[in-house]
C-alpha atoms as a PDB file:
ATOM      1  CA  MET A   1     -19.274  24.404 -17.839  1.00  0.00           C
ATOM      2  CA  ASN A   2     -22.297  25.330 -15.729  1.00  0.00           C
ATOM      3  CA  ASN A   3     -22.701  21.697 -14.703  1.00  0.00           C
ATOM      4  CA  ALA A   4     -20.568  21.171 -11.559  1.00  0.00           C
ATOM      5  CA  GLU A   5     -20.361  17.405 -12.113  1.00  0.00           C
ATOM      6  CA  ALA A   6     -18.984  17.907 -15.630  1.00  0.00           C
ATOM      7  CA  LEU A   7     -16.454  20.416 -14.312  1.00  0.00           C
ATOM      8  CA  VAL A   8     -15.222  17.901 -11.717  1.00  0.00           C
ATOM      9  CA  SER A   9     -14.761  15.221 -14.379  1.00  0.00           C
ATOM     10  CA  VAL A  10     -12.799  17.627 -16.617  1.00  0.00           C
ATOM     11  CA  THR A  11     -10.597  18.581 -13.678  1.00  0.00           C
ATOM     12  CA  THR A  12     -10.009  14.907 -12.906  1.00  0.00           C
ATOM     13  CA  LEU A  13      -8.951  14.197 -16.485  1.00  0.00           C
ATOM     14  CA  ARG A  14      -6.354  16.977 -16.400  1.00  0.00           C
ATOM     15  CA  ARG A  15      -4.930  16.002 -13.029  1.00  0.00           C
ATOM     16  CA  PRO A  16      -1.227  15.110 -13.272  1.00  0.00           C
ATOM     17  CA  LEU A  17      -0.121  11.606 -12.398  1.00  0.00           C
ATOM     18  CA  GLN A  18       0.498  11.278  -8.679  1.00  0.00           C
ATOM     19  CA  ILE A  19       1.888   8.143  -7.076  1.00  0.00           C
ATOM     20  CA  HIS A  20       1.454   7.514  -3.375  1.00  0.00           C
ATOM     21  CA  GLY A  21       3.329   4.629  -1.791  1.00  0.00           C
ATOM     22  CA  LEU A  22       2.249   3.179   1.513  1.00  0.00           C
ATOM     23  CA  ARG A  23       4.586   0.744   3.205  1.00  0.00           C
ATOM     24  CA  LEU A  24       2.668  -1.408   5.649  1.00  0.00           C
ATOM     25  CA  MET A  25       4.597  -2.726   8.615  1.00  0.00           C
ATOM     26  CA  GLU A  26       3.118  -5.087  11.141  1.00  0.00           C
ATOM     27  CA  LEU A  27       2.431  -3.715  14.588  1.00  0.00           C
ATOM     28  CA  THR A  28       3.384  -6.374  17.084  1.00  0.00           C
ATOM     29  CA  GLU A  29       3.771  -6.389  20.834  1.00  0.00           C
ATOM     30  CA  ARG A  30       7.532  -6.163  20.523  1.00  0.00           C
ATOM     31  CA  GLU A  31       9.140  -3.055  21.918  1.00  0.00           C
ATOM     32  CA  SER A  32      10.813  -2.213  18.575  1.00  0.00           C
ATOM     33  CA  SER A  33       7.423  -2.197  16.839  1.00  0.00           C
ATOM     34  CA  VAL A  34       5.943   0.178  19.409  1.00  0.00           C
ATOM     35  CA  MET A  35       9.031   2.416  19.141  1.00  0.00           C
ATOM     36  CA  ARG A  36       8.564   2.615  15.351  1.00  0.00           C
ATOM     37  CA  VAL A  37       5.045   3.957  15.808  1.00  0.00           C
ATOM     38  CA  SER A  38       6.148   6.636  18.251  1.00  0.00           C
ATOM     39  CA  GLU A  39       9.020   7.756  16.006  1.00  0.00           C
ATOM     40  CA  ILE A  40       7.318   7.203  12.633  1.00  0.00           C
ATOM     41  CA  GLU A  41       8.342  10.548  11.089  1.00  0.00           C
ATOM     42  CA  GLU A  42      12.021  10.001  11.862  1.00  0.00           C
ATOM     43  CA  PHE A  43      11.825   6.328  10.886  1.00  0.00           C
ATOM     44  CA  ALA A  44      10.198   7.132   7.519  1.00  0.00           C
ATOM     45  CA  GLY A  45      13.016   9.566   6.716  1.00  0.00           C
ATOM     46  CA  ARG A  46      15.611   6.791   7.142  1.00  0.00           C
ATOM     47  CA  ASP A  47      13.616   3.932   5.616  1.00  0.00           C
ATOM     48  CA  PRO A  48      15.466   2.555   2.561  1.00  0.00           C
ATOM     49  CA  ILE A  49      12.272   1.588   0.729  1.00  0.00           C
ATOM     50  CA  ILE A  50      10.723   5.038   1.111  1.00  0.00           C
ATOM     51  CA  LYS A  51      14.018   6.606   0.004  1.00  0.00           C
ATOM     52  CA  ALA A  52      14.206   4.346  -3.066  1.00  0.00           C
ATOM     53  CA  PHE A  53      10.597   5.189  -3.919  1.00  0.00           C
ATOM     54  CA  GLY A  54      11.375   8.924  -3.758  1.00  0.00           C
ATOM     55  CA  THR A  55      14.541   8.532  -5.820  1.00  0.00           C
ATOM     56  CA  PHE A  56      12.626   6.624  -8.493  1.00  0.00           C
ATOM     57  CA  GLY A  57      10.032   9.398  -8.685  1.00  0.00           C
ATOM     58  CA  GLN A  58      12.670  12.121  -8.968  1.00  0.00           C
ATOM     59  CA  SER A  59      14.550  10.269 -11.705  1.00  0.00           C
ATOM     60  CA  ARG A  60      11.329   9.940 -13.735  1.00  0.00           C
ATOM     61  CA  ALA A  61      10.001  13.448 -12.940  1.00  0.00           C
ATOM     62  CA  LEU A  62       6.926  11.964 -11.238  1.00  0.00           C
ATOM     63  CA  ALA A  63       5.062  13.365  -8.268  1.00  0.00           C
ATOM     64  CA  VAL A  64       5.564  10.694  -5.601  1.00  0.00           C
ATOM     65  CA  ALA A  65       4.958  10.529  -1.890  1.00  0.00           C
ATOM     66  CA  GLY A  66       5.844   7.689   0.444  1.00  0.00           C
ATOM     67  CA  GLN A  67       4.507   6.902   3.872  1.00  0.00           C
ATOM     68  CA  ILE A  68       4.764   4.158   6.432  1.00  0.00           C
ATOM     69  CA  ALA A  69       1.858   2.777   8.407  1.00  0.00           C
ATOM     70  CA  VAL A  70       2.528   0.500  11.364  1.00  0.00           C
ATOM     71  CA  VAL A  71      -0.700  -1.403  11.936  1.00  0.00           C
ATOM     72  CA  PRO A  72      -1.783  -4.922  12.932  1.00  0.00           C
ATOM     73  CA  GLU A  73      -1.590  -7.322   9.979  1.00  0.00           C
ATOM     74  CA  HIS A  74      -5.334  -7.994  10.075  1.00  0.00           C
ATOM     75  CA  SER A  75      -6.000  -4.320   9.241  1.00  0.00           C
ATOM     76  CA  PHE A  76      -3.633  -4.013   6.237  1.00  0.00           C
ATOM     77  CA  SER A  77      -6.440  -4.051   3.656  1.00  0.00           C
ATOM     78  CA  GLY A  78      -8.579  -1.592   5.626  1.00  0.00           C
ATOM     79  CA  THR A  79      -5.636   0.760   6.045  1.00  0.00           C
ATOM     80  CA  LEU A  80      -4.887   0.681   2.314  1.00  0.00           C
ATOM     81  CA  MET A  81      -8.502   1.296   1.336  1.00  0.00           C
ATOM     82  CA  SER A  82      -8.878   4.127   3.852  1.00  0.00           C
ATOM     83  CA  ARG A  83      -5.805   5.813   2.417  1.00  0.00           C
ATOM     84  CA  ALA A  84      -7.069   5.261  -1.148  1.00  0.00           C
ATOM     85  CA  ARG A  85     -10.397   6.912  -0.227  1.00  0.00           C
ATOM     86  CA  GLU A  86      -8.626   9.869   1.415  1.00  0.00           C
ATOM     87  CA  LEU A  87      -6.503  10.416  -1.689  1.00  0.00           C
ATOM     88  CA  ARG A  88      -9.361   9.706  -4.115  1.00  0.00           C
ATOM     89  CA  SER A  89      -7.115   7.140  -5.793  1.00  0.00           C
ATOM     90  CA  ASP A  90      -7.984   5.669  -9.147  1.00  0.00           C
ATOM     91  CA  MET A  91      -6.016   2.473  -8.575  1.00  0.00           C
ATOM     92  CA  VAL A  92      -4.254   0.547  -5.836  1.00  0.00           C
ATOM     93  CA  LEU A  93      -1.394  -1.665  -6.975  1.00  0.00           C
ATOM     94  CA  VAL A  94      -0.316  -4.344  -4.497  1.00  0.00           C
ATOM     95  CA  PRO A  95       2.996  -6.164  -4.980  1.00  0.00           C
ATOM     96  CA  TRP A  96       3.200  -9.899  -4.438  1.00  0.00           C
ATOM     97  CA  SER A  97       6.531 -10.938  -2.973  1.00  0.00           C
ATOM     98  CA  GLU A  98       8.604 -13.812  -4.317  1.00  0.00           C
ATOM     99  CA  THR A  99       7.807 -15.731  -1.150  1.00  0.00           C
ATOM    100  CA  GLY A 100       4.064 -15.193  -1.607  1.00  0.00           C
ATOM    101  CA  SER A 101       3.845 -14.011   1.996  1.00  0.00           C
ATOM    102  CA  MET A 102       3.089 -10.661   3.588  1.00  0.00           C
ATOM    103  CA  SER A 103       6.803 -10.109   4.108  1.00  0.00           C
ATOM    104  CA  GLU A 104       9.933 -10.775   2.122  1.00  0.00           C
ATOM    105  CA  TYR A 105      10.694 -13.793   4.305  1.00  0.00           C
ATOM    106  CA  PRO A 106       9.084 -17.202   3.785  1.00  0.00           C
ATOM    107  CA  ASN A 107       6.699 -18.371   6.455  1.00  0.00           C
ATOM    108  CA  ILE A 108       7.613 -21.692   8.058  1.00  0.00           C
ATOM    109  CA  PHE A 109       3.922 -22.389   8.700  1.00  0.00           C
ATOM    110  CA  ASP A 110       2.943 -22.404   5.015  1.00  0.00           C
ATOM    111  CA  THR A 111       1.324 -25.617   3.839  1.00  0.00           C
ATOM    112  CA  GLU A 112       3.636 -25.609   0.794  1.00  0.00           C
ATOM    113  CA  PRO A 113       6.709 -23.524   1.728  1.00  0.00           C
ATOM    114  CA  GLY A 114       8.175 -23.554  -1.806  1.00  0.00           C
ATOM    115  CA  ASN A 115       4.942 -22.465  -3.488  1.00  0.00           C
ATOM    116  CA  PRO A 116       4.285 -18.685  -3.340  1.00  0.00           C
ATOM    117  CA  LEU A 117       0.689 -19.234  -4.505  1.00  0.00           C
ATOM    118  CA  ALA A 118      -0.151 -21.391  -1.467  1.00  0.00           C
ATOM    119  CA  ASN A 119       0.207 -18.673   1.191  1.00  0.00           C
ATOM    120  CA  ARG A 120      -3.201 -18.269   2.851  1.00  0.00           C
ATOM    121  CA  THR A 121      -2.395 -14.992   4.624  1.00  0.00           C
ATOM    122  CA  PHE A 122      -1.594 -13.144   1.426  1.00  0.00           C
ATOM    123  CA  ALA A 123      -4.483 -14.759  -0.456  1.00  0.00           C
ATOM    124  CA  ASN A 124      -6.877 -13.578   2.277  1.00  0.00           C
ATOM    125  CA  PHE A 125      -5.352 -10.086   2.174  1.00  0.00           C
ATOM    126  CA  ALA A 126      -5.767  -9.913  -1.633  1.00  0.00           C
ATOM    127  CA  THR A 127      -9.370 -11.129  -1.372  1.00  0.00           C
ATOM    128  CA  GLU A 128     -10.159  -8.476   1.252  1.00  0.00           C
ATOM    129  CA  MET A 129      -8.594  -5.808  -0.976  1.00  0.00           C
ATOM    130  CA  PHE A 130     -10.772  -6.773  -3.937  1.00  0.00           C
ATOM    131  CA  ASP A 131     -13.903  -6.936  -1.758  1.00  0.00           C
ATOM    132  CA  LYS A 132     -13.320  -3.584  -0.038  1.00  0.00           C
ATOM    133  CA  ALA A 133     -12.278  -1.779  -3.228  1.00  0.00           C
ATOM    134  CA  GLN A 134     -15.543  -2.287  -5.089  1.00  0.00           C
ATOM    135  CA  GLU A 135     -16.838   1.192  -4.297  1.00  0.00           C
ATOM    136  CA  THR A 136     -13.465   2.923  -3.923  1.00  0.00           C
ATOM    137  CA  CYS A 137     -11.125   2.197  -6.837  1.00  0.00           C
ATOM    138  CA  SER A 138      -9.562  -0.491  -8.998  1.00  0.00           C
ATOM    139  CA  VAL A 139      -7.084  -2.925  -7.466  1.00  0.00           C
ATOM    140  CA  GLY A 140      -4.254  -4.750  -9.185  1.00  0.00           C
ATOM    141  CA  VAL A 141      -1.880  -7.361  -7.802  1.00  0.00           C
ATOM    142  CA  PHE A 142       1.590  -7.255  -9.343  1.00  0.00           C
END
């Protein structure tokens, strides 16, 4: 165990499973969006998705942590990859909504509104994630 690099890899192998959730919310020019940023700690404590994430972790005896980031939509992939680098994540798992859009609501501007695979915004986001993750960690879309 004189080799520091070998010691780091052994430590990494024995590290318990930790799950970090990051809910991305779009920062817009609306007043409510700006208010969310200024009160993010209080907002995160009341957020039903963060609460459900924590409850799931407790019920499965997993170490989980949930956070909210309110950022412009164009920086979603950069925000996720920055957080993954900070946490030294092994994998980023990105959910794909039933609508195929960045939110749970269908976008009226989609070329094929009934087809979740036709949403350009999410496809671009997923592409950026795969491109930016090459030197950081693995990425999966679920």
